[in-house]
């Protein structure tokens, strides 16, 4: 038969192993949730930064090249096209 002190040692050992296992499981669960949340936050921040940069770069490009852009559009329309556009506009009315 098991002596009282041996029984207590076995119970305490089992409890210790249970606490260690539950702590490890808890640690990995919390770590995974923290990683997922960090990825979400990082993704939102990266998206905002990339949108801001893209908007700034697009605005700078347009400001620097607007005259050339408008000139290229103006060169693309000749008198025939303007007359054709006026005819179509009158037909729509």
C-alpha atoms as a PDB file:
ATOM      1  CA  UNK A   1       0.000   0.000   0.000  1.00  0.00           C
ATOM      2  CA  UNK A   2       1.162   3.545  -0.774  1.00  0.00           C
ATOM      3  CA  UNK A   3       2.253   5.570   2.186  1.00  0.00           C
ATOM      4  CA  UNK A   4       0.637   8.925   2.852  1.00  0.00           C
ATOM      5  CA  UNK A   5       3.750  10.972   1.980  1.00  0.00           C
ATOM      6  CA  UNK A   6       4.189   9.075  -1.319  1.00  0.00           C
ATOM      7  CA  UNK A   7       0.527   9.682  -2.197  1.00  0.00           C
ATOM      8  CA  UNK A   8       0.918  13.424  -1.497  1.00  0.00           C
ATOM      9  CA  UNK A   9       4.088  13.539  -3.635  1.00  0.00           C
ATOM     10  CA  UNK A  10       2.293  11.854  -6.542  1.00  0.00           C
ATOM     11  CA  UNK A  11      -0.702  14.212  -6.281  1.00  0.00           C
ATOM     12  CA  UNK A  12       1.551  17.274  -6.106  1.00  0.00           C
ATOM     13  CA  UNK A  13       3.597  16.031  -9.071  1.00  0.00           C
ATOM     14  CA  UNK A  14       0.451  15.485 -11.144  1.00  0.00           C
ATOM     15  CA  UNK A  15      -0.840  18.951 -10.171  1.00  0.00           C
ATOM     16  CA  UNK A  16       2.512  20.526 -11.038  1.00  0.00           C
ATOM     17  CA  UNK A  17       2.561  18.860 -14.454  1.00  0.00           C
ATOM     18  CA  UNK A  18      -1.039  19.998 -15.033  1.00  0.00           C
ATOM     19  CA  UNK A  19      -0.191  23.592 -14.130  1.00  0.00           C
ATOM     20  CA  UNK A  20       2.874  23.554 -16.396  1.00  0.00           C
ATOM     21  CA  UNK A  21       0.887  22.117 -19.316  1.00  0.00           C
ATOM     22  CA  UNK A  22      -1.990  24.556 -18.896  1.00  0.00           C
ATOM     23  CA  UNK A  23       0.513  27.433 -18.632  1.00  0.00           C
ATOM     24  CA  UNK A  24       2.233  26.337 -21.833  1.00  0.00           C
ATOM     25  CA  UNK A  25      -1.080  25.970 -23.669  1.00  0.00           C
ATOM     26  CA  UNK A  26      -2.196  29.362 -22.371  1.00  0.00           C
ATOM     27  CA  UNK A  27       1.076  30.962 -23.413  1.00  0.00           C
ATOM     28  CA  UNK A  28       0.880  29.632 -26.974  1.00  0.00           C
ATOM     29  CA  UNK A  29      -2.800  30.597 -27.271  1.00  0.00           C
ATOM     30  CA  UNK A  30      -2.149  34.146 -26.110  1.00  0.00           C
ATOM     31  CA  UNK A  31       0.937  34.406 -28.319  1.00  0.00           C
ATOM     32  CA  UNK A  32      -1.027  33.321 -31.407  1.00  0.00           C
ATOM     33  CA  UNK A  33      -3.817  35.795 -30.672  1.00  0.00           C
ATOM     34  CA  UNK A  34      -1.274  38.573 -30.132  1.00  0.00           C
ATOM     35  CA  UNK A  35       0.434  37.752 -33.448  1.00  0.00           C
ATOM     36  CA  UNK A  36      -2.870  37.825 -35.321  1.00  0.00           C
ATOM     37  CA  UNK A  37      -3.835  41.152 -33.766  1.00  0.00           C
ATOM     38  CA  UNK A  38      -0.385  42.598 -34.473  1.00  0.00           C
ATOM     39  CA  UNK A  39      -0.671  41.515 -38.130  1.00  0.00           C
ATOM     40  CA  UNK A  40      -4.089  43.186 -38.406  1.00  0.00           C
ATOM     41  CA  UNK A  41      -2.829  46.420 -36.899  1.00  0.00           C
ATOM     42  CA  UNK A  42       0.341  46.395 -39.005  1.00  0.00           C
ATOM     43  CA  UNK A  43      -1.705  45.762 -42.139  1.00  0.00           C
ATOM     44  CA  UNK A  44      -4.020  48.699 -41.394  1.00  0.00           C
ATOM     45  CA  UNK A  45      -1.073  50.995 -40.692  1.00  0.00           C
ATOM     46  CA  UNK A  46       0.761  49.878 -43.847  1.00  0.00           C
ATOM     47  CA  UNK A  47      -2.383  50.409 -45.930  1.00  0.00           C
ATOM     48  CA  UNK A  48      -2.863  53.927 -44.564  1.00  0.00           C
ATOM     49  CA  UNK A  49       0.784  54.827 -45.118  1.00  0.00           C
ATOM     50  CA  UNK A  50       0.777  53.438 -48.669  1.00  0.00           C
ATOM     51  CA  UNK A  51      -2.415  55.345 -49.530  1.00  0.00           C
ATOM     52  CA  UNK A  52      -0.957  58.573 -48.151  1.00  0.00           C
ATOM     53  CA  UNK A  53       2.286  58.084 -50.092  1.00  0.00           C
ATOM     54  CA  UNK A  54       0.452  57.175 -53.304  1.00  0.00           C
ATOM     55  CA  UNK A  55      -1.782  60.235 -52.992  1.00  0.00           C
ATOM     56  CA  UNK A  56       1.200  62.518 -52.339  1.00  0.00           C
ATOM     57  CA  UNK A  57       3.199  61.098 -55.259  1.00  0.00           C
ATOM     58  CA  UNK A  58       0.213  61.326 -57.611  1.00  0.00           C
ATOM     59  CA  UNK A  59      -0.423  64.939 -56.596  1.00  0.00           C
ATOM     60  CA  UNK A  60       3.241  65.846 -57.099  1.00  0.00           C
ATOM     61  CA  UNK A  61       3.264  64.161 -60.517  1.00  0.00           C
ATOM     62  CA  UNK A  62       0.111  65.955 -61.625  1.00  0.00           C
ATOM     63  CA  UNK A  63       1.374  69.322 -60.399  1.00  0.00           C
ATOM     64  CA  UNK A  64       4.677  68.878 -62.225  1.00  0.00           C
ATOM     65  CA  UNK A  65       3.206  67.492 -65.443  1.00  0.00           C
ATOM     66  CA  UNK A  66      -0.225  69.138 -65.733  1.00  0.00           C
ATOM     67  CA  UNK A  67       0.738  71.526 -68.544  1.00  0.00           C
ATOM     68  CA  UNK A  68       2.197  68.666 -70.595  1.00  0.00           C
ATOM     69  CA  UNK A  69      -0.848  66.495 -69.916  1.00  0.00           C
ATOM     70  CA  UNK A  70      -3.252  69.240 -70.991  1.00  0.00           C
ATOM     71  CA  UNK A  71      -1.155  69.987 -74.062  1.00  0.00           C
ATOM     72  CA  UNK A  72      -1.228  66.346 -75.126  1.00  0.00           C
ATOM     73  CA  UNK A  73      -5.014  66.353 -74.867  1.00  0.00           C
ATOM     74  CA  UNK A  74      -5.243  69.587 -76.829  1.00  0.00           C
ATOM     75  CA  UNK A  75      -3.026  68.214 -79.593  1.00  0.00           C
ATOM     76  CA  UNK A  76      -5.208  65.131 -79.906  1.00  0.00           C
ATOM     77  CA  UNK A  77      -8.350  67.060 -80.925  1.00  0.00           C
ATOM     78  CA  UNK A  78      -8.471  68.579 -84.422  1.00  0.00           C
ATOM     79  CA  UNK A  79     -11.196  70.680 -86.045  1.00  0.00           C
ATOM     80  CA  UNK A  80     -12.942  67.674 -87.561  1.00  0.00           C
ATOM     81  CA  UNK A  81     -13.253  66.074 -84.120  1.00  0.00           C
ATOM     82  CA  UNK A  82     -14.637  69.286 -82.596  1.00  0.00           C
ATOM     83  CA  UNK A  83     -17.250  69.553 -85.358  1.00  0.00           C
ATOM     84  CA  UNK A  84     -18.169  65.883 -84.902  1.00  0.00           C
ATOM     85  CA  UNK A  85     -18.525  66.399 -81.153  1.00  0.00           C
ATOM     86  CA  UNK A  86     -20.804  69.405 -81.718  1.00  0.00           C
ATOM     87  CA  UNK A  87     -22.957  67.365 -84.117  1.00  0.00           C
ATOM     88  CA  UNK A  88     -23.285  64.538 -81.584  1.00  0.00           C
ATOM     89  CA  UNK A  89     -24.088  67.025 -78.842  1.00  0.00           C
ATOM     90  CA  UNK A  90     -26.872  68.553 -80.948  1.00  0.00           C
ATOM     91  CA  UNK A  91     -28.303  65.113 -81.767  1.00  0.00           C
ATOM     92  CA  UNK A  92     -28.526  64.192 -78.081  1.00  0.00           C
ATOM     93  CA  UNK A  93     -30.689  67.226 -77.263  1.00  0.00           C
END
